[in-house]
Amino acid sequence: MMRLAAHARSLQSAGIAAEAPLALSRPVEESRRSALHPGASCRRSRRRVSGTFLCQHHTRDIVWRPEYQGHAVGAREIESIAVDAPDPARYARLFDGLPVKFSTAAAPAVTALRIRVEDRADAAAALRRGGFLPAILADGALAVSAGQAHGIALIFD
């Protein structure tokens, strides 16, 4: 919690609304035994629909395991994040180390995620099984509209 508390103070001093960290836990199964996974969460103000949050895992060995890293659409990594912000330089610290493309706008919001997948055809099939209607873009990538994805466009490439 101490790292998240320092991060929240850093955001607040930069003029970015952030709530104090909250302790959280969830049950996990590990080698035929149950455990309560402790963690902490720090989120930006709840006033924005597309807010962000940070999560600190205190027991990575329990939750960051190869068998949990697969995804039905074959997601491998975040290729890029599109962000609108009134002052992009100020908001850059929220995405330290991530490939972010900023646009200037009156209100801050994450507007799109571009996700690299193993196979576009497999990703399209998984999206359709999930009830999504992906559009095929000119470059062959798949797009799920913001209206289908809680206000953030998803592009699978």
Protein backbone atom coordinates (compact mmCIF):
# COMPACT_ATOMS: atom_id res chain seq x y z
CA MET A 1 0.00 0.00 0.00
CA MET A 2 2.88 2.38 0.67
CA ARG A 3 3.99 2.45 -2.98
CA LEU A 4 0.44 3.15 -4.13
CA ALA A 5 -0.03 5.84 -1.49
CA ALA A 6 3.11 7.60 -2.74
CA HIS A 7 1.88 7.28 -6.31
CA ALA A 8 -1.52 8.76 -5.39
CA ARG A 9 0.20 11.72 -3.69
CA SER A 10 2.37 12.20 -6.80
CA LEU A 11 -0.71 12.31 -9.04
CA GLN A 12 -2.50 14.70 -6.70
CA SER A 13 0.51 17.05 -6.61
CA ALA A 14 0.44 17.09 -10.44
CA GLY A 15 -3.20 18.17 -10.33
CA ILE A 16 -4.62 14.78 -11.33
CA ALA A 17 -7.56 13.69 -9.17
CA ALA A 18 -6.75 10.41 -7.43
CA GLU A 19 -8.41 8.59 -4.57
CA ALA A 20 -6.49 7.16 -1.63
CA PRO A 21 -5.46 3.50 -2.07
CA LEU A 22 -7.87 0.82 -0.89
CA ALA A 23 -6.87 -2.58 0.44
CA LEU A 24 -8.44 -5.49 -1.39
CA SER A 25 -8.25 -9.25 -1.53
CA ARG A 26 -9.71 -12.08 -3.53
CA PRO A 27 -9.71 -15.85 -3.17
CA VAL A 28 -7.40 -17.85 -5.43
CA GLU A 29 -6.78 -21.56 -5.84
CA GLU A 30 -3.14 -22.60 -5.67
CA SER A 31 -1.99 -26.21 -5.84
CA ARG A 32 -5.27 -27.61 -4.52
CA ARG A 33 -5.44 -25.14 -1.64
CA SER A 34 -7.27 -21.86 -1.27
CA ALA A 35 -5.60 -18.63 -0.31
CA LEU A 36 -6.72 -15.07 0.19
CA HIS A 37 -4.74 -12.88 -2.21
CA PRO A 38 -3.94 -9.49 -0.64
CA GLY A 39 -3.52 -6.45 -2.84
CA ALA A 40 -4.24 -2.76 -3.05
CA SER A 41 -5.89 -0.47 -5.57
CA CYS A 42 -5.59 3.23 -6.33
CA ARG A 43 -8.01 4.83 -8.78
CA ARG A 44 -8.45 8.19 -10.34
CA SER A 45 -11.56 10.10 -9.49
CA ARG A 46 -14.81 8.19 -10.12
CA ARG A 47 -16.29 11.25 -11.85
CA ARG A 48 -14.88 10.22 -15.26
CA VAL A 49 -16.44 7.30 -17.10
CA SER A 50 -13.12 6.10 -18.51
CA GLY A 51 -11.04 6.48 -15.37
CA THR A 52 -7.91 4.50 -14.73
CA PHE A 53 -6.76 2.50 -11.77
CA LEU A 54 -3.56 0.91 -10.57
CA CYS A 55 -3.34 -2.41 -8.80
CA GLN A 56 -0.43 -3.61 -6.70
CA HIS A 57 -0.11 -7.37 -6.21
CA HIS A 58 1.56 -8.39 -2.97
CA THR A 59 1.75 -12.07 -3.93
CA ARG A 60 2.77 -12.10 -7.59
CA ASP A 61 3.87 -15.72 -7.36
CA ILE A 62 0.23 -16.71 -6.81
CA VAL A 63 -1.47 -14.55 -9.46
CA TRP A 64 1.19 -14.06 -12.18
CA ARG A 65 1.38 -17.63 -13.43
CA PRO A 66 1.67 -18.99 -16.98
CA GLU A 67 -1.66 -20.85 -16.77
CA TYR A 68 -3.44 -17.53 -16.09
CA GLN A 69 -1.81 -15.62 -18.93
CA GLY A 70 -3.78 -17.06 -21.84
CA HIS A 71 -6.72 -15.15 -23.31
CA ALA A 72 -9.53 -16.32 -25.59
CA VAL A 73 -8.72 -13.71 -28.26
CA GLY A 74 -5.01 -14.58 -28.15
CA ALA A 75 -3.95 -11.22 -26.70
CA ARG A 76 -0.18 -10.97 -26.32
CA GLU A 77 0.50 -7.34 -25.41
CA ILE A 78 -0.80 -3.78 -25.51
CA GLU A 79 0.50 -2.31 -28.75
CA SER A 80 -0.66 1.25 -28.02
CA ILE A 81 -3.07 3.33 -25.97
CA ALA A 82 -4.91 6.39 -27.31
CA VAL A 83 -5.49 9.07 -24.68
CA ASP A 84 -7.24 12.43 -24.81
CA ALA A 85 -6.01 14.95 -22.23
CA PRO A 86 -6.08 18.72 -21.73
CA ASP A 87 -2.34 18.66 -20.94
CA PRO A 88 -0.77 15.48 -22.35
CA ALA A 89 2.61 16.06 -20.65
CA ARG A 90 0.94 16.13 -17.24
CA TYR A 91 -0.92 12.87 -17.91
CA ALA A 92 2.09 11.04 -19.37
CA ARG A 93 3.15 9.94 -15.87
CA LEU A 94 0.05 7.74 -15.64
CA PHE A 95 1.35 5.62 -18.52
CA ASP A 96 5.07 5.53 -17.78
CA GLY A 97 6.71 2.96 -20.04
CA LEU A 98 3.60 2.23 -22.14
CA PRO A 99 3.21 3.17 -25.83
CA VAL A 100 0.73 6.07 -25.59
CA LYS A 101 -0.56 8.32 -28.36
CA PHE A 102 -1.94 11.55 -26.92
CA SER A 103 -4.50 13.94 -28.39
CA THR A 104 -5.40 17.26 -26.82
CA ALA A 105 -8.98 17.41 -25.53
CA ALA A 106 -10.94 19.25 -22.85
CA ALA A 107 -11.39 16.19 -20.60
CA PRO A 108 -9.00 13.30 -19.93
CA ALA A 109 -10.05 9.89 -21.23
CA VAL A 110 -8.58 6.67 -22.55
CA THR A 111 -10.25 6.38 -25.96
CA ALA A 112 -8.74 3.25 -27.52
CA LEU A 113 -6.49 0.25 -26.89
CA ARG A 114 -4.62 -1.50 -29.70
CA ILE A 115 -3.87 -5.07 -28.65
CA ARG A 116 -1.50 -7.42 -30.45
CA VAL A 117 -3.00 -10.89 -30.94
CA GLU A 118 -1.54 -14.22 -32.02
CA ASP A 119 -3.97 -14.72 -34.91
CA ARG A 120 -6.58 -12.27 -36.22
CA ALA A 121 -8.95 -14.99 -37.47
CA ASP A 122 -8.91 -16.75 -34.09
CA ALA A 123 -9.43 -13.39 -32.35
CA ALA A 124 -12.41 -12.59 -34.63
CA ALA A 125 -14.01 -15.95 -33.88
CA ALA A 126 -13.52 -15.50 -30.11
CA LEU A 127 -15.01 -12.01 -30.25
CA ARG A 128 -18.06 -13.25 -32.15
CA ARG A 129 -18.52 -16.12 -29.67
CA GLY A 130 -18.51 -13.45 -26.96
CA GLY A 131 -21.29 -11.53 -28.67
CA PHE A 132 -19.16 -8.77 -30.18
CA LEU A 133 -19.41 -7.58 -33.78
CA PRO A 134 -15.85 -6.70 -34.82
CA ALA A 135 -15.31 -4.53 -37.89
CA ILE A 136 -12.37 -5.31 -40.16
CA LEU A 137 -10.17 -2.26 -40.70
CA ALA A 138 -8.26 -1.44 -43.91
CA ASP A 139 -5.05 -2.92 -42.46
CA GLY A 140 -6.88 -6.16 -41.51
CA ALA A 141 -7.04 -5.39 -37.80
CA LEU A 142 -10.30 -6.02 -35.94
CA ALA A 143 -12.15 -3.19 -34.19
CA VAL A 144 -14.76 -3.37 -31.45
CA SER A 145 -16.55 -0.05 -31.07
CA ALA A 146 -16.45 1.98 -27.89
CA GLY A 147 -20.20 1.44 -27.64
CA GLN A 148 -19.63 -2.31 -27.30
CA ALA A 149 -16.65 -2.00 -24.95
CA HIS A 150 -17.58 0.32 -22.06
CA GLY A 151 -16.54 3.52 -23.84
CA ILE A 152 -13.10 2.49 -25.10
CA ALA A 153 -12.54 1.29 -28.68
CA LEU A 154 -10.60 -1.98 -28.87
CA ILE A 155 -8.41 -2.78 -31.87
CA PHE A 156 -6.98 -6.27 -32.22
CA ASP A 157 -3.96 -6.50 -34.52
